[in-house]
Structure formats: C-alpha cells, structure tokens
C-alpha cells in the first residue's frame, strides 16, 4: 500500500541558524533513512571539502540505487548514504552554513535529498534556489506544523 503524500514547500529564509538541522532531525523521526547530496568541483579546484565529508560518511555508504532527483525531475541512479547522527555530522561539514545556503567556491556540496526506506522522496532542497519540498502525509504535515516548522503550499522556483 503506497502512502498518500502531498507536497509542501520550504524556503531557506524560514530556517535560520540551526533550524535546517532540526528539520533534518524531524525527517529522520518520520522515517528518512537515506540521502544523497550533489557536489560541484571547478576545474583545478581542491577536493578538500569532499574529502572531509567522505572521511565521516564513507562507512555509511549504501549501494547506488534509482531515486527521484528533484533537480532532474526524474529517477536517476544515485549515490546514497545511510541517514544517521554520524552522517548528519558529515552534512554539517559539507554545509557549514546549512543546506539552504549557496556559497559557490572551487568546490561545494549542494542539493540534499532524503528518502524513506521504500526509496520514496521525503525531502529535497535545490540549494541555489534556497528552496525545497517535503513529500508528506497529512499526519506528518500536522506534526511538522505543530513543531513550529514553516511550510508553504506552493513553491517559488521549485516544483515536484
């Protein structure tokens, strides 16, 4: 039986300070078990930011699998990691200003996506838009709002 999911939108401006990490913790409590994250390396750039992430996250790597990619708008075979406190620490290294923050340099991480154990998309962010979507049930939306998280019925730039 598949879940009856609705899409709600989140904007980075509504999630200052530690709030993005609290939202990620909420996703874990709702059954978010794995994630993928993109990265950009400019020609000649240093891999240091990727190496720092890998040192923490590599032991939690999962097999590449087909998952919905919000930016591509379709299912792609992607790298995956188990979502847990260790990999959240790796994500905090990858996104020192939070996963809504777009700070291009010679190398950077972007576009975090979180999936349920079924492989269904739960949460995804398009970093350069500072906007994301949550694919949640009515009960999850009630929980999200009751915990003080801001959601919007429509996005500005990002759609699902």
N, C-alpha and C. Protein backbone atom coordinates (compact mmCIF):
# COMPACT_ATOMS: atom_id res chain seq x y z
N UNK A 1 0.85 -1.19 0.00
CA UNK A 1 0.00 0.00 0.00
C UNK A 1 0.89 1.24 0.00
N UNK A 2 0.68 2.12 -0.96
CA UNK A 2 1.52 3.31 -1.02
C UNK A 2 0.94 4.42 -0.14
N UNK A 3 1.84 5.27 0.31
CA UNK A 3 1.43 6.40 1.14
C UNK A 3 0.70 7.44 0.32
N UNK A 4 -0.28 8.09 0.91
CA UNK A 4 -0.93 9.23 0.27
C UNK A 4 -0.14 10.48 0.65
N UNK A 5 0.68 10.96 -0.29
CA UNK A 5 1.59 12.06 0.01
C UNK A 5 1.14 13.35 -0.66
N UNK A 6 1.41 14.43 0.03
CA UNK A 6 1.22 15.76 -0.53
C UNK A 6 2.55 16.47 -0.55
N UNK A 7 2.70 17.44 -1.41
CA UNK A 7 3.93 18.22 -1.49
C UNK A 7 3.72 19.56 -0.82
N UNK A 8 4.60 19.90 0.10
CA UNK A 8 4.65 21.24 0.68
C UNK A 8 6.04 21.78 0.42
N UNK A 9 6.16 23.09 0.46
CA UNK A 9 7.41 23.76 0.11
C UNK A 9 8.02 24.43 1.33
N UNK A 10 9.32 24.48 1.35
CA UNK A 10 10.06 25.16 2.42
C UNK A 10 11.05 26.13 1.78
N UNK A 11 11.22 27.28 2.44
CA UNK A 11 12.12 28.32 1.95
C UNK A 11 13.22 28.53 2.98
N UNK A 12 14.45 28.62 2.51
CA UNK A 12 15.59 28.77 3.39
C UNK A 12 15.47 29.93 4.35
N UNK A 13 14.84 31.02 3.92
CA UNK A 13 14.72 32.20 4.78
C UNK A 13 13.89 31.91 6.04
N UNK A 14 13.06 30.86 5.98
CA UNK A 14 12.25 30.48 7.15
C UNK A 14 13.01 29.58 8.12
N UNK A 15 14.26 29.23 7.77
CA UNK A 15 15.04 28.27 8.55
C UNK A 15 16.41 28.84 8.88
N UNK A 16 16.46 29.83 9.77
CA UNK A 16 17.76 30.41 10.14
C UNK A 16 18.51 29.54 11.16
N UNK A 17 19.77 29.83 11.32
CA UNK A 17 20.57 29.18 12.37
C UNK A 17 20.55 27.67 12.27
N UNK A 18 20.15 27.03 13.36
CA UNK A 18 20.16 25.57 13.45
C UNK A 18 18.87 24.93 12.93
N UNK A 19 17.91 25.73 12.51
CA UNK A 19 16.61 25.20 12.09
C UNK A 19 16.69 24.19 10.95
N UNK A 20 17.59 24.36 9.95
CA UNK A 20 17.66 23.32 8.91
C UNK A 20 18.01 21.95 9.49
N UNK A 21 18.89 21.94 10.48
CA UNK A 21 19.30 20.67 11.09
C UNK A 21 18.18 20.08 11.93
N UNK A 22 17.36 20.92 12.54
CA UNK A 22 16.19 20.43 13.26
C UNK A 22 15.18 19.82 12.30
N UNK A 23 15.03 20.44 11.12
CA UNK A 23 14.14 19.88 10.10
C UNK A 23 14.66 18.51 9.63
N UNK A 24 15.97 18.38 9.47
CA UNK A 24 16.55 17.10 9.07
C UNK A 24 16.32 16.05 10.16
N UNK A 25 16.43 16.43 11.42
CA UNK A 25 16.13 15.50 12.52
C UNK A 25 14.66 15.08 12.47
N UNK A 26 13.77 16.02 12.17
CA UNK A 26 12.35 15.70 12.03
C UNK A 26 12.18 14.65 10.92
N UNK A 27 12.88 14.84 9.81
CA UNK A 27 12.80 13.88 8.71
C UNK A 27 13.23 12.48 9.15
N UNK A 28 14.28 12.41 9.96
CA UNK A 28 14.71 11.10 10.47
C UNK A 28 13.63 10.47 11.34
N UNK A 29 12.98 11.27 12.16
CA UNK A 29 11.91 10.74 13.02
C UNK A 29 10.71 10.26 12.20
N UNK A 30 10.53 10.80 11.01
CA UNK A 30 9.41 10.41 10.14
C UNK A 30 9.77 9.25 9.22
N UNK A 31 10.97 8.71 9.36
CA UNK A 31 11.34 7.55 8.55
C UNK A 31 12.33 7.84 7.44
N UNK A 32 12.94 9.02 7.45
CA UNK A 32 14.02 9.28 6.50
C UNK A 32 15.23 8.43 6.86
N UNK A 33 15.62 7.53 5.96
CA UNK A 33 16.67 6.57 6.29
C UNK A 33 17.92 6.70 5.42
N UNK A 34 17.82 7.42 4.31
CA UNK A 34 18.96 7.54 3.41
C UNK A 34 18.93 8.90 2.73
N UNK A 35 20.07 9.28 2.16
CA UNK A 35 20.14 10.57 1.48
C UNK A 35 21.16 10.52 0.37
N UNK A 36 21.06 11.51 -0.48
CA UNK A 36 22.08 11.78 -1.47
C UNK A 36 22.37 13.27 -1.43
N UNK A 37 23.52 13.63 -1.92
CA UNK A 37 23.92 15.02 -1.96
C UNK A 37 24.80 15.21 -3.18
N UNK A 38 24.63 16.34 -3.85
CA UNK A 38 25.44 16.64 -5.01
C UNK A 38 26.70 17.39 -4.64
N UNK A 39 27.56 17.53 -5.61
CA UNK A 39 28.78 18.29 -5.41
C UNK A 39 29.29 18.84 -6.72
N UNK A 40 29.91 19.99 -6.65
CA UNK A 40 30.50 20.64 -7.82
C UNK A 40 31.97 20.86 -7.54
N UNK A 41 32.81 20.46 -8.47
CA UNK A 41 34.25 20.70 -8.39
C UNK A 41 34.66 21.45 -9.64
N UNK A 42 35.11 22.69 -9.45
CA UNK A 42 35.59 23.52 -10.56
C UNK A 42 36.94 22.98 -11.01
N UNK A 43 37.19 23.00 -12.31
CA UNK A 43 38.47 22.51 -12.82
C UNK A 43 39.63 23.15 -12.07
N UNK A 44 40.50 22.31 -11.55
CA UNK A 44 41.66 22.79 -10.79
C UNK A 44 41.35 23.05 -9.32
N UNK A 45 40.10 22.85 -8.91
CA UNK A 45 39.71 23.10 -7.52
C UNK A 45 40.20 22.02 -6.57
N UNK A 46 40.19 22.32 -5.31
CA UNK A 46 40.61 21.39 -4.27
C UNK A 46 39.46 20.47 -3.89
N UNK A 47 39.76 19.20 -3.71
CA UNK A 47 38.77 18.22 -3.28
C UNK A 47 38.61 18.19 -1.76
N UNK A 48 39.21 19.11 -1.05
CA UNK A 48 39.25 19.07 0.42
C UNK A 48 37.86 18.98 1.04
N UNK A 49 36.88 19.73 0.52
CA UNK A 49 35.54 19.68 1.11
C UNK A 49 34.89 18.31 0.92
N UNK A 50 35.18 17.67 -0.22
CA UNK A 50 34.63 16.34 -0.47
C UNK A 50 35.35 15.30 0.39
N UNK A 51 36.65 15.45 0.53
CA UNK A 51 37.41 14.52 1.35
C UNK A 51 36.97 14.58 2.81
N UNK A 52 36.68 15.79 3.31
CA UNK A 52 36.23 15.94 4.70
C UNK A 52 34.89 15.22 4.90
N UNK A 53 33.97 15.36 3.95
CA UNK A 53 32.69 14.67 4.01
C UNK A 53 32.90 13.15 3.97
N UNK A 54 33.73 12.71 3.01
CA UNK A 54 33.96 11.27 2.83
C UNK A 54 34.57 10.61 4.06
N UNK A 55 35.47 11.31 4.74
CA UNK A 55 36.10 10.72 5.94
C UNK A 55 35.05 10.32 6.98
N UNK A 56 34.00 11.11 7.08
CA UNK A 56 32.95 10.82 8.06
C UNK A 56 31.89 9.87 7.48
N UNK A 57 31.50 10.09 6.23
CA UNK A 57 30.32 9.42 5.68
C UNK A 57 30.59 8.11 4.95
N UNK A 58 31.80 7.87 4.49
CA UNK A 58 32.03 6.71 3.63
C UNK A 58 31.64 5.37 4.26
N UNK A 59 31.81 5.22 5.55
CA UNK A 59 31.45 3.94 6.18
C UNK A 59 29.92 3.74 6.21
N UNK A 60 29.16 4.76 5.84
CA UNK A 60 27.70 4.69 5.81
C UNK A 60 27.15 4.68 4.39
N UNK A 61 28.06 4.51 3.42
CA UNK A 61 27.65 4.49 2.01
C UNK A 61 26.79 3.26 1.74
N UNK A 62 25.75 3.46 0.94
CA UNK A 62 24.84 2.40 0.51
C UNK A 62 25.05 2.13 -0.98
N UNK A 63 24.55 1.03 -1.51
CA UNK A 63 24.67 0.79 -2.95
C UNK A 63 23.95 1.87 -3.77
N UNK A 64 24.54 2.23 -4.90
CA UNK A 64 23.87 3.16 -5.82
C UNK A 64 22.53 2.55 -6.21
N UNK A 65 21.50 3.39 -6.21
CA UNK A 65 20.14 2.91 -6.48
C UNK A 65 19.34 3.99 -7.19
N UNK A 66 18.29 3.58 -7.90
CA UNK A 66 17.43 4.57 -8.55
C UNK A 66 16.61 5.34 -7.51
N UNK A 67 16.67 6.66 -7.59
CA UNK A 67 15.91 7.53 -6.69
C UNK A 67 15.47 8.76 -7.48
N UNK A 68 14.36 9.35 -7.05
CA UNK A 68 13.87 10.57 -7.70
C UNK A 68 14.83 11.72 -7.42
N UNK A 69 15.26 12.40 -8.47
CA UNK A 69 16.14 13.56 -8.38
C UNK A 69 15.30 14.80 -8.66
N UNK A 70 15.13 15.64 -7.65
CA UNK A 70 14.28 16.82 -7.77
C UNK A 70 14.77 17.76 -8.86
N UNK A 71 16.07 17.97 -8.96
CA UNK A 71 16.61 18.90 -9.96
C UNK A 71 16.39 18.37 -11.37
N UNK A 72 16.56 17.07 -11.57
CA UNK A 72 16.38 16.47 -12.89
C UNK A 72 14.90 16.24 -13.22
N UNK A 73 14.07 16.14 -12.17
CA UNK A 73 12.65 15.88 -12.38
C UNK A 73 12.36 14.46 -12.82
N UNK A 74 13.27 13.54 -12.49
CA UNK A 74 13.08 12.14 -12.88
C UNK A 74 13.94 11.24 -12.00
N UNK A 75 13.73 9.96 -12.13
CA UNK A 75 14.50 8.98 -11.37
C UNK A 75 15.86 8.79 -12.03
N UNK A 76 16.92 8.83 -11.22
CA UNK A 76 18.29 8.57 -11.68
C UNK A 76 18.95 7.60 -10.71
N UNK A 77 19.91 6.83 -11.18
CA UNK A 77 20.71 6.01 -10.28
C UNK A 77 21.67 6.96 -9.57
N UNK A 78 21.69 6.89 -8.25
CA UNK A 78 22.42 7.89 -7.47
C UNK A 78 23.22 7.26 -6.34
N UNK A 79 24.24 8.01 -5.88
CA UNK A 79 24.98 7.63 -4.68
C UNK A 79 24.08 7.85 -3.47
N UNK A 80 24.15 6.95 -2.51
CA UNK A 80 23.33 7.05 -1.31
C UNK A 80 24.16 6.79 -0.07
N UNK A 81 23.74 7.42 1.03
CA UNK A 81 24.32 7.17 2.34
C UNK A 81 23.19 6.95 3.33
N UNK A 82 23.46 6.18 4.36
CA UNK A 82 22.51 5.98 5.46
C UNK A 82 22.39 7.31 6.21
N UNK A 83 21.17 7.71 6.54
CA UNK A 83 20.94 8.93 7.32
C UNK A 83 20.94 8.57 8.79
N UNK A 84 21.89 9.10 9.53
CA UNK A 84 22.01 8.84 10.96
C UNK A 84 22.83 9.98 11.59
N UNK A 85 23.01 9.99 12.89
CA UNK A 85 23.75 11.09 13.52
C UNK A 85 25.17 11.29 12.96
N UNK A 86 25.86 10.20 12.60
CA UNK A 86 27.20 10.34 12.03
C UNK A 86 27.16 11.07 10.69
N UNK A 87 26.21 10.68 9.83
CA UNK A 87 26.17 11.32 8.52
C UNK A 87 25.60 12.74 8.60
N UNK A 88 24.77 13.00 9.60
CA UNK A 88 24.35 14.39 9.81
C UNK A 88 25.58 15.24 10.15
N UNK A 89 26.51 14.68 10.94
CA UNK A 89 27.77 15.39 11.22
C UNK A 89 28.54 15.64 9.93
N UNK A 90 28.56 14.68 9.03
CA UNK A 90 29.22 14.85 7.73
C UNK A 90 28.53 15.95 6.92
N UNK A 91 27.20 15.98 6.97
CA UNK A 91 26.46 17.01 6.25
C UNK A 91 26.72 18.40 6.84
N UNK A 92 26.90 18.47 8.14
CA UNK A 92 27.23 19.75 8.76
C UNK A 92 28.60 20.25 8.29
N UNK A 93 29.52 19.32 8.02
CA UNK A 93 30.82 19.69 7.44
C UNK A 93 30.63 20.14 5.99
N UNK A 94 29.81 19.40 5.25
CA UNK A 94 29.57 19.71 3.84
C UNK A 94 28.84 21.04 3.66
N UNK A 95 27.96 21.36 4.60
CA UNK A 95 27.14 22.58 4.53
C UNK A 95 27.35 23.40 5.80
N UNK A 96 28.49 24.05 5.95
CA UNK A 96 28.78 24.76 7.22
C UNK A 96 27.77 25.87 7.54
N UNK A 97 27.11 26.41 6.51
CA UNK A 97 26.10 27.45 6.74
C UNK A 97 24.69 26.91 6.55
N UNK A 98 24.55 25.59 6.47
CA UNK A 98 23.25 24.96 6.28
C UNK A 98 23.01 24.61 4.83
N UNK A 99 22.18 23.62 4.60
CA UNK A 99 21.96 23.10 3.24
C UNK A 99 21.10 23.99 2.36
N UNK A 100 20.55 25.09 2.91
CA UNK A 100 19.86 26.06 2.08
C UNK A 100 20.83 27.13 1.56
N UNK A 101 22.03 27.17 2.10
CA UNK A 101 22.99 28.23 1.79
C UNK A 101 23.82 27.88 0.56
N UNK A 102 23.81 28.76 -0.41
CA UNK A 102 24.54 28.58 -1.66
C UNK A 102 25.77 29.47 -1.65
N UNK A 103 26.92 28.85 -1.53
CA UNK A 103 28.19 29.57 -1.48
C UNK A 103 29.19 28.91 -2.43
N UNK A 104 29.05 29.16 -3.75
CA UNK A 104 29.98 28.52 -4.68
C UNK A 104 31.42 28.97 -4.43
N UNK A 105 32.32 28.04 -4.60
CA UNK A 105 33.75 28.29 -4.46
C UNK A 105 34.43 27.43 -5.52
N UNK A 106 35.60 26.88 -5.22
CA UNK A 106 36.20 25.97 -6.20
C UNK A 106 35.66 24.55 -6.05
N UNK A 107 34.94 24.29 -4.95
CA UNK A 107 34.26 23.02 -4.73
C UNK A 107 33.20 23.22 -3.65
N UNK A 108 32.03 22.64 -3.86
CA UNK A 108 30.99 22.76 -2.84
C UNK A 108 29.95 21.65 -3.00
N UNK A 109 29.24 21.39 -1.90
CA UNK A 109 28.12 20.45 -1.89
C UNK A 109 26.82 21.22 -2.13
N UNK A 110 25.83 20.51 -2.69
CA UNK A 110 24.53 21.12 -2.91
C UNK A 110 23.47 20.04 -3.06
N UNK A 111 22.22 20.47 -2.99
CA UNK A 111 21.07 19.66 -3.36
C UNK A 111 20.92 18.36 -2.56
N UNK A 112 20.68 18.52 -1.28
CA UNK A 112 20.41 17.40 -0.38
C UNK A 112 19.03 16.81 -0.67
N UNK A 113 18.95 15.49 -0.73
CA UNK A 113 17.67 14.78 -0.84
C UNK A 113 17.64 13.66 0.19
N UNK A 114 16.51 13.51 0.86
CA UNK A 114 16.31 12.48 1.88
C UNK A 114 15.18 11.57 1.41
N UNK A 115 15.39 10.27 1.61
CA UNK A 115 14.43 9.26 1.15
C UNK A 115 13.98 8.38 2.30
N UNK A 116 12.77 7.86 2.16
CA UNK A 116 12.24 6.87 3.10
C UNK A 116 12.86 5.50 2.79
N UNK A 117 12.69 4.54 3.68
CA UNK A 117 13.22 3.19 3.46
C UNK A 117 12.69 2.58 2.17
N UNK A 118 11.51 2.98 1.75
CA UNK A 118 10.91 2.49 0.50
C UNK A 118 11.57 3.08 -0.74
N UNK A 119 12.41 4.10 -0.55
CA UNK A 119 13.03 4.80 -1.67
C UNK A 119 12.25 6.03 -2.10
N UNK A 120 11.08 6.24 -1.49
CA UNK A 120 10.23 7.40 -1.80
C UNK A 120 10.90 8.67 -1.29
N UNK A 121 10.86 9.73 -2.10
CA UNK A 121 11.40 11.02 -1.69
C UNK A 121 10.60 11.58 -0.52
N UNK A 122 11.30 11.99 0.52
CA UNK A 122 10.69 12.63 1.69
C UNK A 122 10.97 14.13 1.67
N UNK A 123 12.22 14.51 1.38
CA UNK A 123 12.65 15.91 1.49
C UNK A 123 13.76 16.15 0.48
N UNK A 124 13.70 17.28 -0.20
CA UNK A 124 14.77 17.63 -1.13
C UNK A 124 14.90 19.14 -1.20
N UNK A 125 16.13 19.58 -1.35
CA UNK A 125 16.45 21.00 -1.44
C UNK A 125 17.20 21.27 -2.73
N UNK A 126 16.83 22.33 -3.42
CA UNK A 126 17.62 22.86 -4.53
C UNK A 126 18.38 24.04 -3.93
N UNK A 127 19.64 23.78 -3.63
CA UNK A 127 20.43 24.72 -2.83
C UNK A 127 20.51 26.10 -3.45
N UNK A 128 20.76 26.18 -4.75
CA UNK A 128 20.93 27.51 -5.35
C UNK A 128 19.63 28.32 -5.38
N UNK A 129 18.51 27.68 -5.14
CA UNK A 129 17.23 28.40 -5.03
C UNK A 129 16.86 28.65 -3.57
N UNK A 130 17.59 28.03 -2.63
CA UNK A 130 17.29 28.12 -1.20
C UNK A 130 15.83 27.73 -0.94
N UNK A 131 15.44 26.65 -1.61
CA UNK A 131 14.06 26.19 -1.55
C UNK A 131 14.02 24.68 -1.65
N UNK A 132 13.02 24.08 -1.00
CA UNK A 132 12.88 22.64 -1.08
C UNK A 132 11.45 22.19 -0.99
N UNK A 133 11.28 20.88 -1.07
CA UNK A 133 9.95 20.27 -0.95
C UNK A 133 10.00 19.15 0.07
N UNK A 134 8.88 18.95 0.69
CA UNK A 134 8.63 17.79 1.54
C UNK A 134 7.47 17.03 0.93
N UNK A 135 7.60 15.70 0.82
CA UNK A 135 6.53 14.82 0.36
C UNK A 135 6.05 14.07 1.58
N UNK A 136 4.92 14.52 2.14
CA UNK A 136 4.48 14.05 3.46
C UNK A 136 3.00 13.70 3.49
N UNK A 137 2.65 12.91 4.51
CA UNK A 137 1.24 12.56 4.74
C UNK A 137 0.57 13.71 5.50
N UNK A 138 -0.75 13.63 5.58
CA UNK A 138 -1.50 14.63 6.37
C UNK A 138 -1.03 14.64 7.82
N UNK A 139 -0.84 13.45 8.40
CA UNK A 139 -0.40 13.36 9.80
C UNK A 139 0.99 13.96 9.97
N UNK A 140 1.88 13.71 9.01
CA UNK A 140 3.22 14.30 9.08
C UNK A 140 3.17 15.81 8.96
N UNK A 141 2.29 16.32 8.12
CA UNK A 141 2.14 17.78 8.00
C UNK A 141 1.66 18.37 9.31
N UNK A 142 0.70 17.71 9.95
CA UNK A 142 0.22 18.18 11.25
C UNK A 142 1.36 18.21 12.26
N UNK A 143 2.17 17.16 12.29
CA UNK A 143 3.32 17.09 13.19
C UNK A 143 4.32 18.20 12.88
N UNK A 144 4.62 18.38 11.63
CA UNK A 144 5.59 19.39 11.19
C UNK A 144 5.17 20.79 11.64
N UNK A 145 3.93 21.14 11.37
CA UNK A 145 3.43 22.47 11.72
C UNK A 145 3.33 22.62 13.24
N UNK A 146 2.90 21.56 13.94
CA UNK A 146 2.77 21.66 15.40
C UNK A 146 4.12 21.84 16.07
N UNK A 147 5.19 21.38 15.41
CA UNK A 147 6.54 21.55 15.95
C UNK A 147 7.15 22.89 15.55
N UNK A 148 6.38 23.71 14.86
CA UNK A 148 6.82 25.07 14.55
C UNK A 148 7.58 25.24 13.25
N UNK A 149 7.58 24.22 12.40
CA UNK A 149 8.26 24.35 11.11
C UNK A 149 7.35 25.06 10.11
N UNK A 150 7.94 25.94 9.34
CA UNK A 150 7.19 26.71 8.36
C UNK A 150 7.13 25.96 7.04
N UNK A 151 5.93 25.84 6.49
CA UNK A 151 5.74 25.23 5.17
C UNK A 151 4.81 26.11 4.35
N UNK A 152 4.88 25.95 3.04
CA UNK A 152 4.07 26.74 2.11
C UNK A 152 3.41 25.80 1.11
N UNK A 153 2.20 26.13 0.65
CA UNK A 153 1.50 25.24 -0.28
C UNK A 153 2.11 25.25 -1.68
N UNK A 154 2.81 26.32 -2.02
CA UNK A 154 3.40 26.42 -3.36
C UNK A 154 4.83 26.91 -3.26
N UNK A 155 5.61 26.53 -4.27
CA UNK A 155 6.99 26.98 -4.31
C UNK A 155 7.14 28.24 -5.16
N UNK A 156 8.29 28.84 -5.05
CA UNK A 156 8.62 30.00 -5.89
C UNK A 156 9.27 29.54 -7.18
N UNK A 157 10.24 28.64 -7.05
CA UNK A 157 11.04 28.19 -8.18
C UNK A 157 11.05 26.68 -8.34
N UNK A 158 10.83 25.97 -7.24
CA UNK A 158 11.00 24.52 -7.23
C UNK A 158 9.64 23.85 -7.24
N UNK A 159 9.49 22.88 -8.11
CA UNK A 159 8.25 22.12 -8.18
C UNK A 159 8.53 20.64 -8.09
N UNK A 160 7.49 19.88 -7.82
CA UNK A 160 7.60 18.43 -7.80
C UNK A 160 6.58 17.87 -8.77
